[in-house]
Amino acid sequence: MTLDAVLEDIAATGNGLWYVRVIIIMSLNMALLAVEVNMLTFVVYCAEDTWDLSSWAGDVLVDLSTVGCFLGTMIWGPVADVIGRMHVLWITMAGMVIFGMLSAIAPTFAIFVILRFLTGF
């Protein structure tokens, strides 16, 4: 089968309900990720006030959240090749929601940073 034949087969199937569902799910996933990333701007100041931290602690929070996203991409990408992208998408979305909610009730800054790392992961 040539690349042209594959592209013709894809074009012949059209944009059905499955395609629309994937677009909606991916859009919700990206919106959730955007909220998590943009929320760090406000969370840093709140964390510094709540736990009376210096400014470097806020930098650590942002850095480890970003490292969590990076490592999550490196680990979940190959896993998605094995078990399927939709399964990994649902697993990572559930993890993002669960760890994000747990970070809201974190008793210490160290636990908060770990939970934010796992939220990004």
PDB file of N, CA and C in Angstrom:
ATOM      1  N   MET A   1       0.845  -1.168   0.000  1.00  0.00           N
ATOM      2  CA  MET A   1       0.000   0.000   0.000  1.00  0.00           C
ATOM      3  C   MET A   1       0.898   1.242   0.000  1.00  0.00           C
ATOM      4  N   THR A   2       0.609   2.163  -0.873  1.00  0.00           N
ATOM      5  CA  THR A   2       1.402   3.382  -0.983  1.00  0.00           C
ATOM      6  C   THR A   2       0.814   4.468  -0.093  1.00  0.00           C
ATOM      7  N   LEU A   3       1.578   5.505   0.082  1.00  0.00           N
ATOM      8  CA  LEU A   3       1.120   6.631   0.880  1.00  0.00           C
ATOM      9  C   LEU A   3      -0.088   7.291   0.230  1.00  0.00           C
ATOM     10  N   ASP A   4      -0.081   7.386  -1.086  1.00  0.00           N
ATOM     11  CA  ASP A   4      -1.222   7.975  -1.785  1.00  0.00           C
ATOM     12  C   ASP A   4      -2.487   7.159  -1.557  1.00  0.00           C
ATOM     13  N   ALA A   5      -2.362   5.839  -1.561  1.00  0.00           N
ATOM     14  CA  ALA A   5      -3.522   4.981  -1.324  1.00  0.00           C
ATOM     15  C   ALA A   5      -4.058   5.163   0.093  1.00  0.00           C
ATOM     16  N   VAL A   6      -3.162   5.294   1.056  1.00  0.00           N
ATOM     17  CA  VAL A   6      -3.590   5.510   2.445  1.00  0.00           C
ATOM     18  C   VAL A   6      -4.315   6.842   2.573  1.00  0.00           C
ATOM     19  N   LEU A   7      -3.762   7.889   1.972  1.00  0.00           N
ATOM     20  CA  LEU A   7      -4.406   9.200   2.033  1.00  0.00           C
ATOM     21  C   LEU A   7      -5.764   9.191   1.341  1.00  0.00           C
ATOM     22  N   GLU A   8      -5.886   8.462   0.248  1.00  0.00           N
ATOM     23  CA  GLU A   8      -7.179   8.341  -0.428  1.00  0.00           C
ATOM     24  C   GLU A   8      -8.183   7.604   0.446  1.00  0.00           C
ATOM     25  N   ASP A   9      -7.740   6.549   1.140  1.00  0.00           N
ATOM     26  CA  ASP A   9      -8.630   5.817   2.047  1.00  0.00           C
ATOM     27  C   ASP A   9      -9.100   6.706   3.194  1.00  0.00           C
ATOM     28  N   ILE A  10      -8.194   7.502   3.729  1.00  0.00           N
ATOM     29  CA  ILE A  10      -8.566   8.410   4.816  1.00  0.00           C
ATOM     30  C   ILE A  10      -9.565   9.444   4.316  1.00  0.00           C
ATOM     31  N   ALA A  11      -9.330   9.992   3.134  1.00  0.00           N
ATOM     32  CA  ALA A  11     -10.246  10.984   2.571  1.00  0.00           C
ATOM     33  C   ALA A  11     -11.601  10.372   2.258  1.00  0.00           C
ATOM     34  N   ALA A  12     -11.625   9.099   1.869  1.00  0.00           N
ATOM     35  CA  ALA A  12     -12.886   8.441   1.519  1.00  0.00           C
ATOM     36  C   ALA A  12     -13.753   8.171   2.745  1.00  0.00           C
ATOM     37  N   THR A  13     -13.139   7.989   3.913  1.00  0.00           N
ATOM     38  CA  THR A  13     -13.935   7.694   5.110  1.00  0.00           C
ATOM     39  C   THR A  13     -14.687   8.908   5.609  1.00  0.00           C
ATOM     40  N   GLY A  14     -14.206  10.094   5.327  1.00  0.00           N
ATOM     41  CA  GLY A  14     -14.917  11.295   5.725  1.00  0.00           C
ATOM     42  C   GLY A  14     -14.709  11.647   7.183  1.00  0.00           C
ATOM     43  N   ASN A  15     -15.401  12.695   7.597  1.00  0.00           N
ATOM     44  CA  ASN A  15     -15.311  13.170   8.974  1.00  0.00           C
ATOM     45  C   ASN A  15     -16.548  12.715   9.734  1.00  0.00           C
ATOM     46  N   GLY A  16     -16.482  11.545  10.270  1.00  0.00           N
ATOM     47  CA  GLY A  16     -17.618  10.977  10.968  1.00  0.00           C
ATOM     48  C   GLY A  16     -17.674  11.385  12.428  1.00  0.00           C
ATOM     49  N   LEU A  17     -18.551  10.718  13.166  1.00  0.00           N
ATOM     50  CA  LEU A  17     -18.774  10.997  14.575  1.00  0.00           C
ATOM     51  C   LEU A  17     -17.520  10.732  15.404  1.00  0.00           C
ATOM     52  N   TRP A  18     -16.769   9.691  15.057  1.00  0.00           N
ATOM     53  CA  TRP A  18     -15.551   9.384  15.804  1.00  0.00           C
ATOM     54  C   TRP A  18     -14.560  10.533  15.706  1.00  0.00           C
ATOM     55  N   TYR A  19     -14.436  11.102  14.527  1.00  0.00           N
ATOM     56  CA  TYR A  19     -13.515  12.218  14.311  1.00  0.00           C
ATOM     57  C   TYR A  19     -13.926  13.425  15.151  1.00  0.00           C
ATOM     58  N   VAL A  20     -15.212  13.713  15.192  1.00  0.00           N
ATOM     59  CA  VAL A  20     -15.720  14.830  15.989  1.00  0.00           C
ATOM     60  C   VAL A  20     -15.459  14.574  17.472  1.00  0.00           C
ATOM     61  N   ARG A  21     -15.667  13.349  17.924  1.00  0.00           N
ATOM     62  CA  ARG A  21     -15.437  12.996  19.330  1.00  0.00           C
ATOM     63  C   ARG A  21     -13.969  13.183  19.701  1.00  0.00           C
ATOM     64  N   VAL A  22     -13.068  12.768  18.842  1.00  0.00           N
ATOM     65  CA  VAL A  22     -11.637  12.929  19.114  1.00  0.00           C
ATOM     66  C   VAL A  22     -11.270  14.409  19.195  1.00  0.00           C
ATOM     67  N   ILE A  23     -11.805  15.215  18.306  1.00  0.00           N
ATOM     68  CA  ILE A  23     -11.525  16.654  18.329  1.00  0.00           C
ATOM     69  C   ILE A  23     -12.025  17.270  19.633  1.00  0.00           C
ATOM     70  N   ILE A  24     -13.214  16.893  20.081  1.00  0.00           N
ATOM     71  CA  ILE A  24     -13.758  17.431  21.332  1.00  0.00           C
ATOM     72  C   ILE A  24     -12.906  17.004  22.522  1.00  0.00           C
ATOM     73  N   ILE A  25     -12.533  15.735  22.576  1.00  0.00           N
ATOM     74  CA  ILE A  25     -11.726  15.234  23.691  1.00  0.00           C
ATOM     75  C   ILE A  25     -10.364  15.915  23.716  1.00  0.00           C
ATOM     76  N   MET A  26      -9.734  16.047  22.575  1.00  0.00           N
ATOM     77  CA  MET A  26      -8.422  16.695  22.526  1.00  0.00           C
ATOM     78  C   MET A  26      -8.523  18.177  22.892  1.00  0.00           C
ATOM     79  N   SER A  27      -9.599  18.827  22.487  1.00  0.00           N
ATOM     80  CA  SER A  27      -9.787  20.236  22.842  1.00  0.00           C
ATOM     81  C   SER A  27      -9.972  20.397  24.342  1.00  0.00           C
ATOM     82  N   LEU A  28     -10.750  19.511  24.956  1.00  0.00           N
ATOM     83  CA  LEU A  28     -10.924  19.561  26.408  1.00  0.00           C
ATOM     84  C   LEU A  28      -9.612  19.292  27.130  1.00  0.00           C
ATOM     85  N   ASN A  29      -8.842  18.364  26.613  1.00  0.00           N
ATOM     86  CA  ASN A  29      -7.542  18.060  27.210  1.00  0.00           C
ATOM     87  C   ASN A  29      -6.619  19.273  27.148  1.00  0.00           C
ATOM     88  N   MET A  30      -6.557  19.927  26.018  1.00  0.00           N
ATOM     89  CA  MET A  30      -5.687  21.094  25.884  1.00  0.00           C
ATOM     90  C   MET A  30      -6.178  22.250  26.751  1.00  0.00           C
ATOM     91  N   ALA A  31      -7.499  22.397  26.880  1.00  0.00           N
ATOM     92  CA  ALA A  31      -8.036  23.445  27.747  1.00  0.00           C
ATOM     93  C   ALA A  31      -7.673  23.177  29.203  1.00  0.00           C
ATOM     94  N   LEU A  32      -7.773  21.922  29.626  1.00  0.00           N
ATOM     95  CA  LEU A  32      -7.412  21.554  30.990  1.00  0.00           C
ATOM     96  C   LEU A  32      -5.931  21.808  31.242  1.00  0.00           C
ATOM     97  N   LEU A  33      -5.097  21.458  30.294  1.00  0.00           N
ATOM     98  CA  LEU A  33      -3.659  21.696  30.433  1.00  0.00           C
ATOM     99  C   LEU A  33      -3.350  23.191  30.469  1.00  0.00           C
ATOM    100  N   ALA A  34      -4.031  23.971  29.651  1.00  0.00           N
ATOM    101  CA  ALA A  34      -3.808  25.420  29.640  1.00  0.00           C
ATOM    102  C   ALA A  34      -4.194  26.044  30.975  1.00  0.00           C
ATOM    103  N   VAL A  35      -5.291  25.593  31.552  1.00  0.00           N
ATOM    104  CA  VAL A  35      -5.702  26.106  32.863  1.00  0.00           C
ATOM    105  C   VAL A  35      -4.657  25.756  33.913  1.00  0.00           C
ATOM    106  N   GLU A  36      -4.175  24.521  33.903  1.00  0.00           N
ATOM    107  CA  GLU A  36      -3.169  24.094  34.882  1.00  0.00           C
ATOM    108  C   GLU A  36      -1.888  24.915  34.758  1.00  0.00           C
ATOM    109  N   VAL A  37      -1.436  25.155  33.555  1.00  0.00           N
ATOM    110  CA  VAL A  37      -0.189  25.895  33.352  1.00  0.00           C
ATOM    111  C   VAL A  37      -0.369  27.367  33.709  1.00  0.00           C
ATOM    112  N   ASN A  38      -1.453  27.979  33.258  1.00  0.00           N
ATOM    113  CA  ASN A  38      -1.679  29.397  33.530  1.00  0.00           C
ATOM    114  C   ASN A  38      -1.991  29.660  34.996  1.00  0.00           C
ATOM    115  N   MET A  39      -2.558  28.679  35.672  1.00  0.00           N
ATOM    116  CA  MET A  39      -2.896  28.836  37.079  1.00  0.00           C
ATOM    117  C   MET A  39      -1.639  28.989  37.937  1.00  0.00           C
ATOM    118  N   LEU A  40      -0.521  28.450  37.484  1.00  0.00           N
ATOM    119  CA  LEU A  40       0.721  28.553  38.253  1.00  0.00           C
ATOM    120  C   LEU A  40       1.122  30.000  38.496  1.00  0.00           C
ATOM    121  N   THR A  41       0.767  30.889  37.596  1.00  0.00           N
ATOM    122  CA  THR A  41       1.086  32.299  37.771  1.00  0.00           C
ATOM    123  C   THR A  41       0.507  32.825  39.075  1.00  0.00           C
ATOM    124  N   PHE A  42      -0.724  32.437  39.383  1.00  0.00           N
ATOM    125  CA  PHE A  42      -1.391  32.902  40.594  1.00  0.00           C
ATOM    126  C   PHE A  42      -1.048  32.037  41.801  1.00  0.00           C
ATOM    127  N   VAL A  43      -0.853  30.756  41.570  1.00  0.00           N
ATOM    128  CA  VAL A  43      -0.577  29.824  42.663  1.00  0.00           C
ATOM    129  C   VAL A  43       0.763  30.127  43.318  1.00  0.00           C
ATOM    130  N   VAL A  44       1.731  30.572  42.549  1.00  0.00           N
ATOM    131  CA  VAL A  44       3.057  30.864  43.105  1.00  0.00           C
ATOM    132  C   VAL A  44       2.951  31.918  44.204  1.00  0.00           C
ATOM    133  N   TYR A  45       2.224  32.994  43.937  1.00  0.00           N
ATOM    134  CA  TYR A  45       2.092  34.055  44.936  1.00  0.00           C
ATOM    135  C   TYR A  45       1.318  33.576  46.161  1.00  0.00           C
ATOM    136  N   CYS A  46       0.281  32.792  45.936  1.00  0.00           N
ATOM    137  CA  CYS A  46      -0.495  32.263  47.065  1.00  0.00           C
ATOM    138  C   CYS A  46       0.345  31.310  47.910  1.00  0.00           C
ATOM    139  N   ALA A  47       1.137  30.466  47.262  1.00  0.00           N
ATOM    140  CA  ALA A  47       1.988  29.524  47.998  1.00  0.00           C
ATOM    141  C   ALA A  47       3.053  30.266  48.796  1.00  0.00           C
ATOM    142  N   GLU A  48       3.631  31.306  48.211  1.00  0.00           N
ATOM    143  CA  GLU A  48       4.640  32.084  48.933  1.00  0.00           C
ATOM    144  C   GLU A  48       4.043  32.756  50.161  1.00  0.00           C
ATOM    145  N   ASP A  49       2.809  33.252  50.055  1.00  0.00           N
ATOM    146  CA  ASP A  49       2.152  33.885  51.201  1.00  0.00           C
ATOM    147  C   ASP A  49       1.703  32.862  52.236  1.00  0.00           C
ATOM    148  N   THR A  50       1.155  31.747  51.780  1.00  0.00           N
ATOM    149  CA  THR A  50       0.621  30.742  52.699  1.00  0.00           C
ATOM    150  C   THR A  50       1.713  30.122  53.553  1.00  0.00           C
ATOM    151  N   TRP A  51       2.816  29.750  52.936  1.00  0.00           N
ATOM    152  CA  TRP A  51       3.877  29.055  53.659  1.00  0.00           C
ATOM    153  C   TRP A  51       5.065  29.967  53.973  1.00  0.00           C
ATOM    154  N   ASP A  52       4.906  31.280  53.764  1.00  0.00           N
ATOM    155  CA  ASP A  52       5.950  32.264  54.051  1.00  0.00           C
ATOM    156  C   ASP A  52       7.283  31.852  53.418  1.00  0.00           C
ATOM    157  N   LEU A  53       7.254  31.721  52.104  1.00  0.00           N
ATOM    158  CA  LEU A  53       8.413  31.231  51.355  1.00  0.00           C
ATOM    159  C   LEU A  53       9.153  32.383  50.694  1.00  0.00           C
ATOM    160  N   SER A  54      10.387  32.132  50.332  1.00  0.00           N
ATOM    161  CA  SER A  54      11.137  33.105  49.550  1.00  0.00           C
ATOM    162  C   SER A  54      10.780  32.943  48.074  1.00  0.00           C
ATOM    163  N   SER A  55      11.243  33.869  47.269  1.00  0.00           N
ATOM    164  CA  SER A  55      10.858  33.850  45.850  1.00  0.00           C
ATOM    165  C   SER A  55      11.426  32.645  45.104  1.00  0.00           C
ATOM    166  N   TRP A  56      12.559  32.101  45.553  1.00  0.00           N
ATOM    167  CA  TRP A  56      13.138  30.946  44.862  1.00  0.00           C
ATOM    168  C   TRP A  56      12.232  29.729  44.978  1.00  0.00           C
ATOM    169  N   ALA A  57      11.444  29.628  46.046  1.00  0.00           N
ATOM    170  CA  ALA A  57      10.543  28.483  46.203  1.00  0.00           C
ATOM    171  C   ALA A  57       9.463  28.499  45.125  1.00  0.00           C
ATOM    172  N   GLY A  58       9.000  29.686  44.761  1.00  0.00           N
ATOM    173  CA  GLY A  58       8.039  29.781  43.667  1.00  0.00           C
ATOM    174  C   GLY A  58       8.644  29.343  42.348  1.00  0.00           C
ATOM    175  N   ASP A  59       9.904  29.672  42.169  1.00  0.00           N
ATOM    176  CA  ASP A  59      10.602  29.226  40.956  1.00  0.00           C
ATOM    177  C   ASP A  59      10.722  27.709  40.922  1.00  0.00           C
ATOM    178  N   VAL A  60      10.999  27.111  42.081  1.00  0.00           N
ATOM    179  CA  VAL A  60      11.084  25.647  42.163  1.00  0.00           C
ATOM    180  C   VAL A  60       9.744  25.025  41.799  1.00  0.00           C
ATOM    181  N   LEU A  61       8.661  25.630  42.276  1.00  0.00           N
ATOM    182  CA  LEU A  61       7.324  25.119  41.969  1.00  0.00           C
ATOM    183  C   LEU A  61       7.063  25.117  40.469  1.00  0.00           C
ATOM    184  N   VAL A  62       7.344  26.218  39.819  1.00  0.00           N
ATOM    185  CA  VAL A  62       7.124  26.313  38.369  1.00  0.00           C
ATOM    186  C   VAL A  62       8.055  25.367  37.622  1.00  0.00           C
ATOM    187  N   ASP A  63       9.311  25.318  38.040  1.00  0.00           N
ATOM    188  CA  ASP A  63      10.285  24.453  37.359  1.00  0.00           C
ATOM    189  C   ASP A  63       9.902  22.984  37.459  1.00  0.00           C
ATOM    190  N   LEU A  64       9.521  22.528  38.652  1.00  0.00           N
ATOM    191  CA  LEU A  64       9.181  21.114  38.807  1.00  0.00           C
ATOM    192  C   LEU A  64       7.872  20.758  38.108  1.00  0.00           C
ATOM    193  N   SER A  65       6.948  21.706  38.019  1.00  0.00           N
ATOM    194  CA  SER A  65       5.733  21.443  37.241  1.00  0.00           C
ATOM    195  C   SER A  65       6.072  21.263  35.765  1.00  0.00           C
ATOM    196  N   THR A  66       6.981  22.084  35.266  1.00  0.00           N
ATOM    197  CA  THR A  66       7.408  21.972  33.875  1.00  0.00           C
ATOM    198  C   THR A  66       8.187  20.686  33.634  1.00  0.00           C
ATOM    199  N   VAL A  67       9.047  20.324  34.578  1.00  0.00           N
ATOM    200  CA  VAL A  67       9.792  19.065  34.464  1.00  0.00           C
ATOM    201  C   VAL A  67       8.825  17.884  34.479  1.00  0.00           C
ATOM    202  N   GLY A  68       7.759  17.982  35.285  1.00  0.00           N
ATOM    203  CA  GLY A  68       6.741  16.927  35.296  1.00  0.00           C
ATOM    204  C   GLY A  68       6.088  16.761  33.933  1.00  0.00           C
ATOM    205  N   CYS A  69       5.780  17.879  33.276  1.00  0.00           N
ATOM    206  CA  CYS A  69       5.210  17.806  31.920  1.00  0.00           C
ATOM    207  C   CYS A  69       6.194  17.170  30.949  1.00  0.00           C
ATOM    208  N   PHE A  70       7.449  17.556  31.048  1.00  0.00           N
ATOM    209  CA  PHE A  70       8.471  17.018  30.148  1.00  0.00           C
ATOM    210  C   PHE A  70       8.639  15.515  30.343  1.00  0.00           C
ATOM    211  N   LEU A  71       8.808  15.092  31.594  1.00  0.00           N
ATOM    212  CA  LEU A  71       9.005  13.662  31.857  1.00  0.00           C
ATOM    213  C   LEU A  71       7.755  12.853  31.526  1.00  0.00           C
ATOM    214  N   GLY A  72       6.590  13.439  31.790  1.00  0.00           N
ATOM    215  CA  GLY A  72       5.352  12.754  31.435  1.00  0.00           C
ATOM    216  C   GLY A  72       5.250  12.506  29.941  1.00  0.00           C
ATOM    217  N   THR A  73       5.656  13.491  29.159  1.00  0.00           N
ATOM    218  CA  THR A  73       5.650  13.328  27.708  1.00  0.00           C
ATOM    219  C   THR A  73       6.618  12.240  27.270  1.00  0.00           C
ATOM    220  N   MET A  74       7.794  12.228  27.882  1.00  0.00           N
ATOM    221  CA  MET A  74       8.808  11.237  27.519  1.00  0.00           C
ATOM    222  C   MET A  74       8.387   9.815  27.897  1.00  0.00           C
ATOM    223  N   ILE A  75       7.651   9.677  28.979  1.00  0.00           N
ATOM    224  CA  ILE A  75       7.254   8.342  29.444  1.00  0.00           C
ATOM    225  C   ILE A  75       5.942   7.895  28.809  1.00  0.00           C
ATOM    226  N   TRP A  76       4.938   8.776  28.797  1.00  0.00           N
ATOM    227  CA  TRP A  76       3.621   8.370  28.301  1.00  0.00           C
ATOM    228  C   TRP A  76       3.565   8.237  26.787  1.00  0.00           C
ATOM    229  N   GLY A  77       4.458   8.901  26.052  1.00  0.00           N
ATOM    230  CA  GLY A  77       4.476   8.765  24.594  1.00  0.00           C
ATOM    231  C   GLY A  77       4.699   7.338  24.139  1.00  0.00           C
ATOM    232  N   PRO A  78       5.771   6.687  24.587  1.00  0.00           N
ATOM    233  CA  PRO A  78       5.973   5.285  24.212  1.00  0.00           C
ATOM    234  C   PRO A  78       4.892   4.349  24.756  1.00  0.00           C
ATOM    235  N   VAL A  79       4.372   4.662  25.941  1.00  0.00           N
ATOM    236  CA  VAL A  79       3.286   3.832  26.486  1.00  0.00           C
ATOM    237  C   VAL A  79       2.061   3.926  25.580  1.00  0.00           C
ATOM    238  N   ALA A  80       1.802   5.116  25.045  1.00  0.00           N
ATOM    239  CA  ALA A  80       0.667   5.297  24.139  1.00  0.00           C
ATOM    240  C   ALA A  80       0.832   4.487  22.865  1.00  0.00           C
ATOM    241  N   ASP A  81       2.060   4.303  22.419  1.00  0.00           N
ATOM    242  CA  ASP A  81       2.297   3.474  21.240  1.00  0.00           C
ATOM    243  C   ASP A  81       1.932   2.021  21.497  1.00  0.00           C
ATOM    244  N   VAL A  82       2.042   1.594  22.747  1.00  0.00           N
ATOM    245  CA  VAL A  82       1.777   0.195  23.089  1.00  0.00           C
ATOM    246  C   VAL A  82       0.303  -0.036  23.419  1.00  0.00           C
ATOM    247  N   ILE A  83      -0.265   0.778  24.316  1.00  0.00           N
ATOM    248  CA  ILE A  83      -1.637   0.498  24.780  1.00  0.00           C
ATOM    249  C   ILE A  83      -2.697   1.345  24.089  1.00  0.00           C
ATOM    250  N   GLY A  84      -2.288   2.324  23.318  1.00  0.00           N
ATOM    251  CA  GLY A  84      -3.245   3.150  22.593  1.00  0.00           C
ATOM    252  C   GLY A  84      -3.301   4.567  23.141  1.00  0.00           C
ATOM    253  N   ARG A  85      -3.448   5.505  22.243  1.00  0.00           N
ATOM    254  CA  ARG A  85      -3.416   6.910  22.630  1.00  0.00           C
ATOM    255  C   ARG A  85      -4.636   7.336  23.433  1.00  0.00           C
ATOM    256  N   MET A  86      -5.791   6.808  23.121  1.00  0.00           N
ATOM    257  CA  MET A  86      -6.987   7.195  23.876  1.00  0.00           C
ATOM    258  C   MET A  86      -6.907   6.707  25.319  1.00  0.00           C
ATOM    259  N   HIS A  87      -6.378   5.503  25.532  1.00  0.00           N
ATOM    260  CA  HIS A  87      -6.233   5.002  26.905  1.00  0.00           C
ATOM    261  C   HIS A  87      -5.285   5.898  27.698  1.00  0.00           C
ATOM    262  N   VAL A  88      -4.172   6.241  27.104  1.00  0.00           N
ATOM    263  CA  VAL A  88      -3.201   7.101  27.777  1.00  0.00           C
ATOM    264  C   VAL A  88      -3.789   8.488  28.002  1.00  0.00           C
ATOM    265  N   LEU A  89      -4.545   8.989  27.055  1.00  0.00           N
ATOM    266  CA  LEU A  89      -5.175  10.296  27.211  1.00  0.00           C
ATOM    267  C   LEU A  89      -6.100  10.308  28.420  1.00  0.00           C
ATOM    268  N   TRP A  90      -6.929   9.276  28.550  1.00  0.00           N
ATOM    269  CA  TRP A  90      -7.848   9.205  29.695  1.00  0.00           C
ATOM    270  C   TRP A  90      -7.094   9.027  31.007  1.00  0.00           C
ATOM    271  N   ILE A  91      -6.048   8.217  31.006  1.00  0.00           N
ATOM    272  CA  ILE A  91      -5.257   8.007  32.228  1.00  0.00           C
ATOM    273  C   ILE A  91      -4.599   9.314  32.667  1.00  0.00           C
ATOM    274  N   THR A  92      -3.986  10.010  31.732  1.00  0.00           N
ATOM    275  CA  THR A  92      -3.283  11.241  32.092  1.00  0.00           C
ATOM    276  C   THR A  92      -4.251  12.356  32.471  1.00  0.00           C
ATOM    277  N   MET A  93      -5.410  12.418  31.828  1.00  0.00           N
ATOM    278  CA  MET A  93      -6.401  13.416  32.214  1.00  0.00           C
ATOM    279  C   MET A  93      -6.910  13.147  33.623  1.00  0.00           C
ATOM    280  N   ALA A  94      -7.159  11.880  33.938  1.00  0.00           N
ATOM    281  CA  ALA A  94      -7.607  11.528  35.289  1.00  0.00           C
ATOM    282  C   ALA A  94      -6.530  11.875  36.311  1.00  0.00           C
ATOM    283  N   GLY A  95      -5.277  11.578  35.983  1.00  0.00           N
ATOM    284  CA  GLY A  95      -4.185  11.927  36.885  1.00  0.00           C
ATOM    285  C   GLY A  95      -4.071  13.422  37.102  1.00  0.00           C
ATOM    286  N   MET A  96      -4.254  14.190  36.039  1.00  0.00           N
ATOM    287  CA  MET A  96      -4.179  15.637  36.150  1.00  0.00           C
ATOM    288  C   MET A  96      -5.267  16.176  37.078  1.00  0.00           C
ATOM    289  N   VAL A  97      -6.464  15.646  36.945  1.00  0.00           N
ATOM    290  CA  VAL A  97      -7.575  16.098  37.787  1.00  0.00           C
ATOM    291  C   VAL A  97      -7.363  15.668  39.238  1.00  0.00           C
ATOM    292  N   ILE A  98      -6.998  14.412  39.452  1.00  0.00           N
ATOM    293  CA  ILE A  98      -6.838  13.893  40.813  1.00  0.00           C
ATOM    294  C   ILE A  98      -5.704  14.609  41.543  1.00  0.00           C
ATOM    295  N   PHE A  99      -4.529  14.681  40.928  1.00  0.00           N
ATOM    296  CA  PHE A  99      -3.401  15.333  41.596  1.00  0.00           C
ATOM    297  C   PHE A  99      -3.610  16.839  41.718  1.00  0.00           C
ATOM    298  N   GLY A 100      -4.322  17.436  40.775  1.00  0.00           N
ATOM    299  CA  GLY A 100      -4.645  18.856  40.890  1.00  0.00           C
ATOM    300  C   GLY A 100      -5.559  19.130  42.067  1.00  0.00           C
ATOM    301  N   MET A 101      -6.547  18.258  42.280  1.00  0.00           N
ATOM    302  CA  MET A 101      -7.442  18.427  43.424  1.00  0.00           C
ATOM    303  C   MET A 101      -6.714  18.155  44.739  1.00  0.00           C
ATOM    304  N   LEU A 102      -5.847  17.156  44.756  1.00  0.00           N
ATOM    305  CA  LEU A 102      -5.083  16.872  45.971  1.00  0.00           C
ATOM    306  C   LEU A 102      -4.127  18.010  46.315  1.00  0.00           C
ATOM    307  N   SER A 103      -3.593  18.675  45.306  1.00  0.00           N
ATOM    308  CA  SER A 103      -2.686  19.790  45.585  1.00  0.00           C
ATOM    309  C   SER A 103      -3.422  20.957  46.242  1.00  0.00           C
ATOM    310  N   ALA A 104      -4.732  21.030  46.072  1.00  0.00           N
ATOM    311  CA  ALA A 104      -5.507  22.096  46.712  1.00  0.00           C
ATOM    312  C   ALA A 104      -5.573  21.923  48.225  1.00  0.00           C
ATOM    313  N   ILE A 105      -5.376  20.702  48.712  1.00  0.00           N
ATOM    314  CA  ILE A 105      -5.443  20.460  50.156  1.00  0.00           C
ATOM    315  C   ILE A 105      -4.093  20.039  50.726  1.00  0.00           C
ATOM    316  N   ALA A 106      -3.025  20.339  50.025  1.00  0.00           N
ATOM    317  CA  ALA A 106      -1.683  19.952  50.478  1.00  0.00           C
ATOM    318  C   ALA A 106      -1.336  20.693  51.776  1.00  0.00           C
ATOM    319  N   PRO A 107      -0.896  19.956  52.802  1.00  0.00           N
ATOM    320  CA  PRO A 107      -0.602  20.598  54.090  1.00  0.00           C
ATOM    321  C   PRO A 107       0.751  21.315  54.142  1.00  0.00           C
ATOM    322  N   THR A 108       1.709  20.885  53.335  1.00  0.00           N
ATOM    323  CA  THR A 108       3.036  21.509  53.348  1.00  0.00           C
ATOM    324  C   THR A 108       3.458  21.853  51.929  1.00  0.00           C
ATOM    325  N   PHE A 109       4.458  22.721  51.848  1.00  0.00           N
ATOM    326  CA  PHE A 109       4.940  23.129  50.533  1.00  0.00           C
ATOM    327  C   PHE A 109       5.584  21.970  49.789  1.00  0.00           C
ATOM    328  N   ALA A 110       6.307  21.111  50.497  1.00  0.00           N
ATOM    329  CA  ALA A 110       6.974  19.976  49.849  1.00  0.00           C
ATOM    330  C   ALA A 110       5.953  19.043  49.205  1.00  0.00           C
ATOM    331  N   ILE A 111       4.884  18.741  49.924  1.00  0.00           N
ATOM    332  CA  ILE A 111       3.830  17.885  49.360  1.00  0.00           C
ATOM    333  C   ILE A 111       3.151  18.593  48.195  1.00  0.00           C
ATOM    334  N   PHE A 112       2.957  19.897  48.329  1.00  0.00           N
ATOM    335  CA  PHE A 112       2.343  20.676  47.258  1.00  0.00           C
ATOM    336  C   PHE A 112       3.176  20.605  45.980  1.00  0.00           C
ATOM    337  N   VAL A 113       4.488  20.754  46.115  1.00  0.00           N
ATOM    338  CA  VAL A 113       5.373  20.704  44.945  1.00  0.00           C
ATOM    339  C   VAL A 113       5.342  19.319  44.310  1.00  0.00           C
ATOM    340  N   ILE A 114       5.359  18.274  45.135  1.00  0.00           N
ATOM    341  CA  ILE A 114       5.301  16.904  44.606  1.00  0.00           C
ATOM    342  C   ILE A 114       3.993  16.681  43.856  1.00  0.00           C
ATOM    343  N   LEU A 115       2.887  17.148  44.422  1.00  0.00           N
ATOM    344  CA  LEU A 115       1.591  16.975  43.758  1.00  0.00           C
ATOM    345  C   LEU A 115       1.511  17.780  42.465  1.00  0.00           C
ATOM    346  N   ARG A 116       2.096  18.967  42.441  1.00  0.00           N
ATOM    347  CA  ARG A 116       2.098  19.752  41.200  1.00  0.00           C
ATOM    348  C   ARG A 116       2.978  19.085  40.137  1.00  0.00           C
ATOM    349  N   PHE A 117       4.077  18.462  40.579  1.00  0.00           N
ATOM    350  CA  PHE A 117       4.915  17.692  39.655  1.00  0.00           C
ATOM    351  C   PHE A 117       4.100  16.553  39.055  1.00  0.00           C
ATOM    352  N   LEU A 118       3.368  15.826  39.906  1.00  0.00           N
ATOM    353  CA  LEU A 118       2.558  14.705  39.427  1.00  0.00           C
ATOM    354  C   LEU A 118       1.386  15.180  38.576  1.00  0.00           C
ATOM    355  N   THR A 119       0.881  16.380  38.845  1.00  0.00           N
ATOM    356  CA  THR A 119      -0.179  16.935  38.000  1.00  0.00           C
ATOM    357  C   THR A 119       0.342  17.140  36.583  1.00  0.00           C
ATOM    358  N   GLY A 120       1.545  17.630  36.465  1.00  0.00           N
ATOM    359  CA  GLY A 120       2.153  17.808  35.148  1.00  0.00           C
ATOM    360  C   GLY A 120       2.541  16.508  34.492  1.00  0.00           C
ATOM    361  N   PHE A 121       2.827  15.506  35.297  1.00  0.00           N
ATOM    362  CA  PHE A 121       3.280  14.222  34.792  1.00  0.00           C
ATOM    363  C   PHE A 121       2.136  13.510  34.114  1.00  0.00           C
TER     364      PHE A 121
END
